């Protein structure tokens, strides 16, 4: 398991982008690249652990803790899921338009363009960019 810096940028139409930097871990097993990190109070998601699995051209984002959700991003794919929070749950629909994954040496970049429907409200266009940078010489077999 490698220690990594994970830069996440989320953009919505007509809104300023939100950019957050996390320190987390990256592990590659059986062709699946797994990123994991704890969310920040800056995003309003303190107490949430996020794991991102990259397998082929599919990305699965799993949140556990105070928020529970599993989102699957695959080009031209529609995913229905339940977003569970401490105050209740809501149904969401995710339509992925574009997924792009780039890997080189100790870096990985992910770009996702998708639409999100929340509790029946009209779809919102979103973009997410994830940049992962591996820290040299920082292997961790048991993160805590």
N, C-alpha and C. Protein backbone atom coordinates (compact mmCIF):
# COMPACT_ATOMS: atom_id res chain seq x y z
N UNK A 1 0.85 -1.17 0.00
CA UNK A 1 0.00 0.00 0.00
C UNK A 1 0.90 1.24 0.00
N UNK A 2 0.62 2.17 -0.87
CA UNK A 2 1.43 3.37 -1.02
C UNK A 2 0.69 4.59 -0.49
N UNK A 3 1.42 5.46 0.15
CA UNK A 3 0.87 6.73 0.62
C UNK A 3 0.78 7.65 -0.59
N UNK A 4 -0.38 8.32 -0.76
CA UNK A 4 -0.58 9.18 -1.92
C UNK A 4 -1.26 10.48 -1.54
N UNK A 5 -1.03 11.46 -2.38
CA UNK A 5 -1.77 12.72 -2.31
C UNK A 5 -2.87 12.62 -3.36
N UNK A 6 -4.11 12.91 -2.95
CA UNK A 6 -5.26 12.79 -3.85
C UNK A 6 -5.91 14.17 -3.97
N UNK A 7 -5.83 14.74 -5.17
CA UNK A 7 -6.43 16.05 -5.43
C UNK A 7 -7.76 15.81 -6.16
N UNK A 8 -8.84 16.28 -5.57
CA UNK A 8 -10.17 16.08 -6.15
C UNK A 8 -10.77 17.44 -6.49
N UNK A 9 -11.23 17.58 -7.73
CA UNK A 9 -11.88 18.82 -8.17
C UNK A 9 -13.25 18.45 -8.72
N UNK A 10 -14.29 19.04 -8.13
CA UNK A 10 -15.67 18.84 -8.59
C UNK A 10 -16.21 20.15 -9.13
N UNK A 11 -16.85 20.06 -10.29
CA UNK A 11 -17.44 21.25 -10.92
C UNK A 11 -18.88 20.97 -11.31
N UNK A 12 -19.73 21.97 -11.12
CA UNK A 12 -21.11 21.94 -11.61
C UNK A 12 -21.31 23.14 -12.51
N UNK A 13 -22.24 23.03 -13.44
CA UNK A 13 -22.55 24.13 -14.33
C UNK A 13 -22.97 25.34 -13.50
N UNK A 14 -22.46 26.51 -13.85
CA UNK A 14 -22.82 27.78 -13.20
C UNK A 14 -22.41 27.87 -11.73
N UNK A 15 -21.45 27.08 -11.30
CA UNK A 15 -20.95 27.15 -9.92
C UNK A 15 -19.43 27.13 -9.94
N UNK A 16 -18.81 27.72 -8.92
CA UNK A 16 -17.37 27.64 -8.80
C UNK A 16 -16.97 26.21 -8.45
N UNK A 17 -15.84 25.75 -8.99
CA UNK A 17 -15.39 24.38 -8.66
C UNK A 17 -14.96 24.28 -7.20
N UNK A 18 -15.07 23.07 -6.67
CA UNK A 18 -14.61 22.77 -5.32
C UNK A 18 -13.38 21.88 -5.46
N UNK A 19 -12.27 22.31 -4.86
CA UNK A 19 -11.03 21.55 -4.93
C UNK A 19 -10.57 21.21 -3.53
N UNK A 20 -10.29 19.93 -3.29
CA UNK A 20 -9.85 19.46 -1.98
C UNK A 20 -8.67 18.52 -2.18
N UNK A 21 -7.69 18.60 -1.27
CA UNK A 21 -6.53 17.71 -1.30
C UNK A 21 -6.60 16.80 -0.08
N UNK A 22 -6.46 15.50 -0.32
CA UNK A 22 -6.49 14.50 0.75
C UNK A 22 -5.17 13.74 0.75
N UNK A 23 -4.81 13.19 1.91
CA UNK A 23 -3.74 12.21 2.00
C UNK A 23 -4.41 10.87 2.22
N UNK A 24 -4.04 9.90 1.41
CA UNK A 24 -4.67 8.60 1.51
C UNK A 24 -3.72 7.50 1.06
N UNK A 25 -4.31 6.42 0.57
CA UNK A 25 -3.53 5.24 0.20
C UNK A 25 -3.97 4.72 -1.15
N UNK A 26 -3.01 4.07 -1.84
CA UNK A 26 -3.26 3.45 -3.14
C UNK A 26 -2.72 2.03 -3.10
N UNK A 27 -3.53 1.12 -3.59
CA UNK A 27 -3.13 -0.28 -3.63
C UNK A 27 -3.61 -0.88 -4.95
N UNK A 28 -2.76 -1.67 -5.59
CA UNK A 28 -3.13 -2.33 -6.84
C UNK A 28 -3.13 -3.84 -6.58
N UNK A 29 -4.30 -4.46 -6.74
CA UNK A 29 -4.41 -5.91 -6.58
C UNK A 29 -5.34 -6.46 -7.65
N UNK A 30 -4.89 -7.52 -8.29
CA UNK A 30 -5.67 -8.23 -9.30
C UNK A 30 -6.26 -7.29 -10.36
N UNK A 31 -5.45 -6.33 -10.80
CA UNK A 31 -5.88 -5.42 -11.86
C UNK A 31 -6.80 -4.31 -11.42
N UNK A 32 -7.06 -4.19 -10.12
CA UNK A 32 -7.92 -3.14 -9.60
C UNK A 32 -7.07 -2.16 -8.80
N UNK A 33 -7.16 -0.88 -9.15
CA UNK A 33 -6.46 0.18 -8.45
C UNK A 33 -7.41 0.72 -7.38
N UNK A 34 -7.02 0.65 -6.11
CA UNK A 34 -7.89 1.12 -5.02
C UNK A 34 -7.26 2.33 -4.33
N UNK A 35 -8.05 3.40 -4.24
CA UNK A 35 -7.66 4.59 -3.50
C UNK A 35 -8.55 4.67 -2.27
N UNK A 36 -8.01 5.12 -1.16
CA UNK A 36 -8.86 5.30 0.02
C UNK A 36 -8.37 6.52 0.81
N UNK A 37 -9.34 7.23 1.37
CA UNK A 37 -9.03 8.41 2.17
C UNK A 37 -10.23 8.76 3.05
N UNK A 38 -9.97 9.55 4.09
CA UNK A 38 -11.03 10.05 4.95
C UNK A 38 -11.41 11.44 4.49
N UNK A 39 -12.71 11.66 4.40
CA UNK A 39 -13.23 12.97 3.98
C UNK A 39 -12.90 14.03 5.02
N UNK A 40 -13.06 15.27 4.63
CA UNK A 40 -12.67 16.41 5.45
C UNK A 40 -13.88 17.20 5.93
N UNK A 41 -13.71 17.88 7.03
CA UNK A 41 -14.76 18.79 7.53
C UNK A 41 -14.99 19.91 6.51
N UNK A 42 -13.98 20.22 5.68
CA UNK A 42 -14.12 21.26 4.66
C UNK A 42 -15.22 20.94 3.66
N UNK A 43 -15.46 19.65 3.42
CA UNK A 43 -16.48 19.24 2.46
C UNK A 43 -17.82 18.97 3.13
N UNK A 44 -17.85 19.09 4.46
CA UNK A 44 -19.08 18.79 5.19
C UNK A 44 -19.30 17.29 5.35
N UNK A 45 -18.27 16.51 5.11
CA UNK A 45 -18.43 15.05 5.16
C UNK A 45 -17.47 14.42 6.16
N UNK A 46 -17.19 15.12 7.24
CA UNK A 46 -16.34 14.56 8.29
C UNK A 46 -16.98 13.28 8.82
N UNK A 47 -16.16 12.27 9.09
CA UNK A 47 -16.68 10.98 9.55
C UNK A 47 -17.04 10.04 8.43
N UNK A 48 -16.63 10.39 7.19
CA UNK A 48 -16.91 9.56 6.02
C UNK A 48 -15.59 9.06 5.45
N UNK A 49 -15.54 7.77 5.13
CA UNK A 49 -14.38 7.16 4.48
C UNK A 49 -14.76 6.89 3.02
N UNK A 50 -13.89 7.28 2.10
CA UNK A 50 -14.14 7.08 0.67
C UNK A 50 -13.13 6.10 0.10
N UNK A 51 -13.64 5.15 -0.68
CA UNK A 51 -12.78 4.24 -1.43
C UNK A 51 -13.17 4.34 -2.89
N UNK A 52 -12.17 4.49 -3.75
CA UNK A 52 -12.39 4.55 -5.19
C UNK A 52 -11.69 3.36 -5.81
N UNK A 53 -12.43 2.55 -6.55
CA UNK A 53 -11.87 1.40 -7.23
C UNK A 53 -11.88 1.67 -8.73
N UNK A 54 -10.72 1.51 -9.36
CA UNK A 54 -10.58 1.71 -10.79
C UNK A 54 -10.27 0.36 -11.42
N UNK A 55 -11.19 -0.14 -12.22
CA UNK A 55 -11.04 -1.45 -12.85
C UNK A 55 -11.39 -1.30 -14.33
N UNK A 56 -10.40 -1.44 -15.19
CA UNK A 56 -10.64 -1.22 -16.61
C UNK A 56 -11.08 0.21 -16.83
N UNK A 57 -12.24 0.40 -17.45
CA UNK A 57 -12.79 1.74 -17.69
C UNK A 57 -13.97 2.03 -16.77
N UNK A 58 -14.05 1.33 -15.64
CA UNK A 58 -15.13 1.54 -14.67
C UNK A 58 -14.56 2.02 -13.36
N UNK A 59 -15.25 2.98 -12.76
CA UNK A 59 -14.84 3.54 -11.47
C UNK A 59 -16.00 3.37 -10.50
N UNK A 60 -15.70 2.78 -9.35
CA UNK A 60 -16.71 2.62 -8.31
C UNK A 60 -16.27 3.43 -7.10
N UNK A 61 -17.14 4.34 -6.66
CA UNK A 61 -16.87 5.18 -5.51
C UNK A 61 -17.77 4.70 -4.38
N UNK A 62 -17.16 4.29 -3.26
CA UNK A 62 -17.90 3.77 -2.12
C UNK A 62 -17.64 4.66 -0.92
N UNK A 63 -18.71 5.15 -0.32
CA UNK A 63 -18.61 5.97 0.89
C UNK A 63 -19.21 5.18 2.05
N UNK A 64 -18.50 5.20 3.18
CA UNK A 64 -18.99 4.54 4.39
C UNK A 64 -18.81 5.50 5.57
N UNK A 65 -19.53 5.22 6.64
CA UNK A 65 -19.46 6.07 7.81
C UNK A 65 -20.74 6.87 7.94
N UNK A 66 -20.64 8.18 8.18
CA UNK A 66 -21.81 9.04 8.34
C UNK A 66 -22.66 9.13 7.07
N UNK A 67 -22.04 8.85 5.93
CA UNK A 67 -22.75 8.78 4.65
C UNK A 67 -22.43 7.43 4.04
N UNK A 68 -23.44 6.78 3.47
CA UNK A 68 -23.23 5.49 2.83
C UNK A 68 -23.82 5.53 1.43
N UNK A 69 -22.97 5.24 0.45
CA UNK A 69 -23.42 5.23 -0.94
C UNK A 69 -22.39 4.49 -1.78
N UNK A 70 -22.86 3.88 -2.86
CA UNK A 70 -21.99 3.26 -3.85
C UNK A 70 -22.40 3.79 -5.22
N UNK A 71 -21.46 4.45 -5.89
CA UNK A 71 -21.73 5.05 -7.20
C UNK A 71 -20.83 4.38 -8.23
N UNK A 72 -21.42 3.96 -9.36
CA UNK A 72 -20.66 3.32 -10.43
C UNK A 72 -20.62 4.24 -11.64
N UNK A 73 -19.40 4.59 -12.07
CA UNK A 73 -19.18 5.45 -13.23
C UNK A 73 -18.62 4.59 -14.37
N UNK A 74 -19.37 4.50 -15.46
CA UNK A 74 -18.95 3.79 -16.67
C UNK A 74 -19.59 4.51 -17.83
N UNK A 75 -18.84 4.78 -18.89
CA UNK A 75 -19.39 5.55 -20.01
C UNK A 75 -20.71 4.98 -20.50
N UNK A 76 -21.65 5.90 -20.75
CA UNK A 76 -22.98 5.56 -21.25
C UNK A 76 -23.73 4.59 -20.34
N UNK A 77 -23.49 4.72 -19.03
CA UNK A 77 -24.11 3.84 -18.03
C UNK A 77 -25.01 4.66 -17.10
N UNK A 78 -26.15 4.09 -16.76
CA UNK A 78 -27.09 4.72 -15.83
C UNK A 78 -27.11 3.87 -14.56
N UNK A 79 -26.89 4.51 -13.43
CA UNK A 79 -26.80 3.81 -12.14
C UNK A 79 -27.78 4.44 -11.16
N UNK A 80 -28.62 3.63 -10.55
CA UNK A 80 -29.52 4.08 -9.49
C UNK A 80 -28.94 3.63 -8.16
N UNK A 81 -28.93 4.53 -7.18
CA UNK A 81 -28.40 4.17 -5.87
C UNK A 81 -29.09 4.98 -4.79
N UNK A 82 -28.92 4.54 -3.56
CA UNK A 82 -29.50 5.23 -2.41
C UNK A 82 -28.36 5.90 -1.65
N UNK A 83 -28.53 7.17 -1.34
CA UNK A 83 -27.57 7.97 -0.61
C UNK A 83 -28.08 8.06 0.83
N UNK A 84 -27.43 7.33 1.74
CA UNK A 84 -27.88 7.26 3.13
C UNK A 84 -27.06 8.21 3.99
N UNK A 85 -27.80 9.04 4.76
CA UNK A 85 -27.16 9.98 5.69
C UNK A 85 -27.75 9.76 7.07
N UNK A 86 -27.17 10.39 8.07
CA UNK A 86 -27.69 10.27 9.43
C UNK A 86 -29.13 10.76 9.54
N UNK A 87 -29.49 11.74 8.73
CA UNK A 87 -30.84 12.35 8.81
C UNK A 87 -31.85 11.68 7.89
N UNK A 88 -31.43 10.70 7.10
CA UNK A 88 -32.35 10.02 6.19
C UNK A 88 -31.67 9.59 4.91
N UNK A 89 -32.47 9.13 3.97
CA UNK A 89 -31.95 8.62 2.70
C UNK A 89 -32.64 9.30 1.54
N UNK A 90 -31.95 9.30 0.39
CA UNK A 90 -32.60 9.78 -0.83
C UNK A 90 -32.11 8.97 -2.01
N UNK A 91 -33.00 8.84 -2.97
CA UNK A 91 -32.71 8.09 -4.19
C UNK A 91 -32.01 9.02 -5.19
N UNK A 92 -31.01 8.48 -5.86
CA UNK A 92 -30.28 9.26 -6.87
C UNK A 92 -30.10 8.42 -8.13
N UNK A 93 -29.98 9.12 -9.25
CA UNK A 93 -29.68 8.47 -10.52
C UNK A 93 -28.45 9.16 -11.10
N UNK A 94 -27.49 8.34 -11.53
CA UNK A 94 -26.23 8.82 -12.06
C UNK A 94 -26.12 8.37 -13.51
N UNK A 95 -25.91 9.31 -14.43
CA UNK A 95 -25.67 8.98 -15.84
C UNK A 95 -24.28 9.45 -16.21
N UNK A 96 -23.40 8.52 -16.55
CA UNK A 96 -22.02 8.86 -16.88
C UNK A 96 -21.88 9.06 -18.39
N UNK A 97 -21.36 10.22 -18.77
CA UNK A 97 -21.13 10.54 -20.18
C UNK A 97 -19.71 10.16 -20.62
N UNK A 98 -18.72 10.43 -19.75
CA UNK A 98 -17.32 10.26 -20.14
C UNK A 98 -16.49 9.80 -18.95
N UNK A 99 -15.62 8.82 -19.17
CA UNK A 99 -14.64 8.38 -18.18
C UNK A 99 -13.30 8.31 -18.89
N UNK A 100 -12.29 8.93 -18.31
CA UNK A 100 -10.95 8.90 -18.87
C UNK A 100 -9.97 8.61 -17.73
N UNK A 101 -9.10 7.62 -17.94
CA UNK A 101 -8.13 7.22 -16.91
C UNK A 101 -6.74 7.24 -17.55
N UNK A 102 -5.82 7.91 -16.89
CA UNK A 102 -4.45 8.02 -17.38
C UNK A 102 -3.51 7.64 -16.24
N UNK A 103 -2.58 6.73 -16.52
CA UNK A 103 -1.59 6.31 -15.52
C UNK A 103 -0.19 6.46 -16.11
N UNK A 104 0.71 6.96 -15.28
CA UNK A 104 2.12 7.05 -15.69
C UNK A 104 2.98 7.12 -14.45
N UNK A 105 3.97 6.24 -14.38
CA UNK A 105 4.89 6.18 -13.24
C UNK A 105 4.13 6.18 -11.92
N UNK A 106 4.29 7.21 -11.13
CA UNK A 106 3.69 7.28 -9.80
C UNK A 106 2.46 8.19 -9.76
N UNK A 107 1.85 8.40 -10.92
CA UNK A 107 0.68 9.28 -10.97
C UNK A 107 -0.48 8.61 -11.69
N UNK A 108 -1.67 9.09 -11.37
CA UNK A 108 -2.87 8.66 -12.07
C UNK A 108 -3.81 9.86 -12.13
N UNK A 109 -4.46 10.04 -13.27
CA UNK A 109 -5.48 11.08 -13.43
C UNK A 109 -6.77 10.42 -13.89
N UNK A 110 -7.85 10.86 -13.29
CA UNK A 110 -9.18 10.35 -13.65
C UNK A 110 -10.06 11.56 -13.96
N UNK A 111 -10.78 11.46 -15.06
CA UNK A 111 -11.75 12.50 -15.42
C UNK A 111 -13.10 11.82 -15.63
N UNK A 112 -14.13 12.38 -14.99
CA UNK A 112 -15.49 11.84 -15.13
C UNK A 112 -16.45 12.99 -15.40
N UNK A 113 -17.26 12.86 -16.46
CA UNK A 113 -18.33 13.81 -16.73
C UNK A 113 -19.64 13.04 -16.58
N UNK A 114 -20.51 13.56 -15.73
CA UNK A 114 -21.73 12.83 -15.42
C UNK A 114 -22.87 13.76 -15.07
N UNK A 115 -24.08 13.22 -15.12
CA UNK A 115 -25.28 13.94 -14.70
C UNK A 115 -25.82 13.24 -13.46
N UNK A 116 -26.33 14.04 -12.53
CA UNK A 116 -26.85 13.49 -11.29
C UNK A 116 -28.26 14.01 -11.05
N UNK A 117 -29.18 13.08 -10.86
CA UNK A 117 -30.56 13.41 -10.50
C UNK A 117 -30.73 13.07 -9.02
N UNK A 118 -31.17 14.06 -8.25
CA UNK A 118 -31.32 13.87 -6.80
C UNK A 118 -32.79 13.95 -6.44
N UNK A 119 -33.30 12.85 -5.90
CA UNK A 119 -34.69 12.78 -5.42
C UNK A 119 -35.69 13.29 -6.45
N UNK A 120 -35.47 12.95 -7.72
CA UNK A 120 -36.42 13.32 -8.77
C UNK A 120 -36.23 14.70 -9.37
N UNK A 121 -35.33 15.53 -8.79
CA UNK A 121 -35.05 16.85 -9.38
C UNK A 121 -34.33 16.65 -10.71
N UNK A 122 -34.39 17.64 -11.62
CA UNK A 122 -33.74 17.50 -12.93
C UNK A 122 -32.25 17.19 -12.81
N UNK A 123 -31.72 16.52 -13.82
CA UNK A 123 -30.31 16.17 -13.86
C UNK A 123 -29.43 17.42 -13.84
N UNK A 124 -28.33 17.36 -13.09
CA UNK A 124 -27.31 18.41 -13.06
C UNK A 124 -26.05 17.87 -13.71
N UNK A 125 -25.42 18.66 -14.59
CA UNK A 125 -24.17 18.26 -15.23
C UNK A 125 -23.02 18.49 -14.25
N UNK A 126 -22.16 17.50 -14.08
CA UNK A 126 -21.03 17.57 -13.16
C UNK A 126 -19.77 17.07 -13.85
N UNK A 127 -18.63 17.53 -13.36
CA UNK A 127 -17.34 17.02 -13.78
C UNK A 127 -16.49 16.79 -12.55
N UNK A 128 -15.77 15.68 -12.52
CA UNK A 128 -14.87 15.39 -11.42
C UNK A 128 -13.51 15.01 -12.00
N UNK A 129 -12.47 15.61 -11.46
CA UNK A 129 -11.10 15.29 -11.83
C UNK A 129 -10.38 14.84 -10.58
N UNK A 130 -9.71 13.70 -10.66
CA UNK A 130 -8.95 13.17 -9.53
C UNK A 130 -7.51 12.99 -9.99
N UNK A 131 -6.58 13.60 -9.26
CA UNK A 131 -5.16 13.47 -9.57
C UNK A 131 -4.49 12.80 -8.38
N UNK A 132 -3.85 11.67 -8.63
CA UNK A 132 -3.21 10.89 -7.57
C UNK A 132 -1.70 10.94 -7.77
N UNK A 133 -0.97 11.31 -6.71
CA UNK A 133 0.48 11.41 -6.78
C UNK A 133 1.06 10.56 -5.66
N UNK A 134 1.83 9.55 -6.04
CA UNK A 134 2.43 8.65 -5.07
C UNK A 134 3.64 9.30 -4.41
N UNK A 135 3.72 9.18 -3.11
CA UNK A 135 4.88 9.70 -2.38
C UNK A 135 5.98 8.65 -2.44
N UNK A 136 7.17 9.06 -2.83
CA UNK A 136 8.28 8.13 -2.99
C UNK A 136 8.77 7.64 -1.63
N UNK A 137 8.98 6.33 -1.53
CA UNK A 137 9.56 5.74 -0.31
C UNK A 137 8.61 5.67 0.86
N UNK A 138 7.32 5.66 0.61
CA UNK A 138 6.36 5.63 1.71
C UNK A 138 5.38 4.48 1.55
N UNK A 139 5.91 3.26 1.58
CA UNK A 139 5.04 2.09 1.58
C UNK A 139 4.47 1.89 2.98
N UNK A 140 3.22 1.48 3.04
CA UNK A 140 2.57 1.22 4.32
C UNK A 140 1.78 -0.07 4.21
N UNK A 141 2.18 -1.06 4.95
CA UNK A 141 1.45 -2.32 4.88
C UNK A 141 0.26 -2.34 5.80
N UNK A 142 0.21 -1.46 6.79
CA UNK A 142 -0.90 -1.42 7.72
C UNK A 142 -1.25 0.01 8.07
N UNK A 143 -2.06 0.69 7.23
CA UNK A 143 -2.39 2.10 7.48
C UNK A 143 -3.32 2.24 8.68
N UNK A 144 -3.10 3.26 9.46
CA UNK A 144 -4.02 3.54 10.57
C UNK A 144 -3.98 4.99 10.95
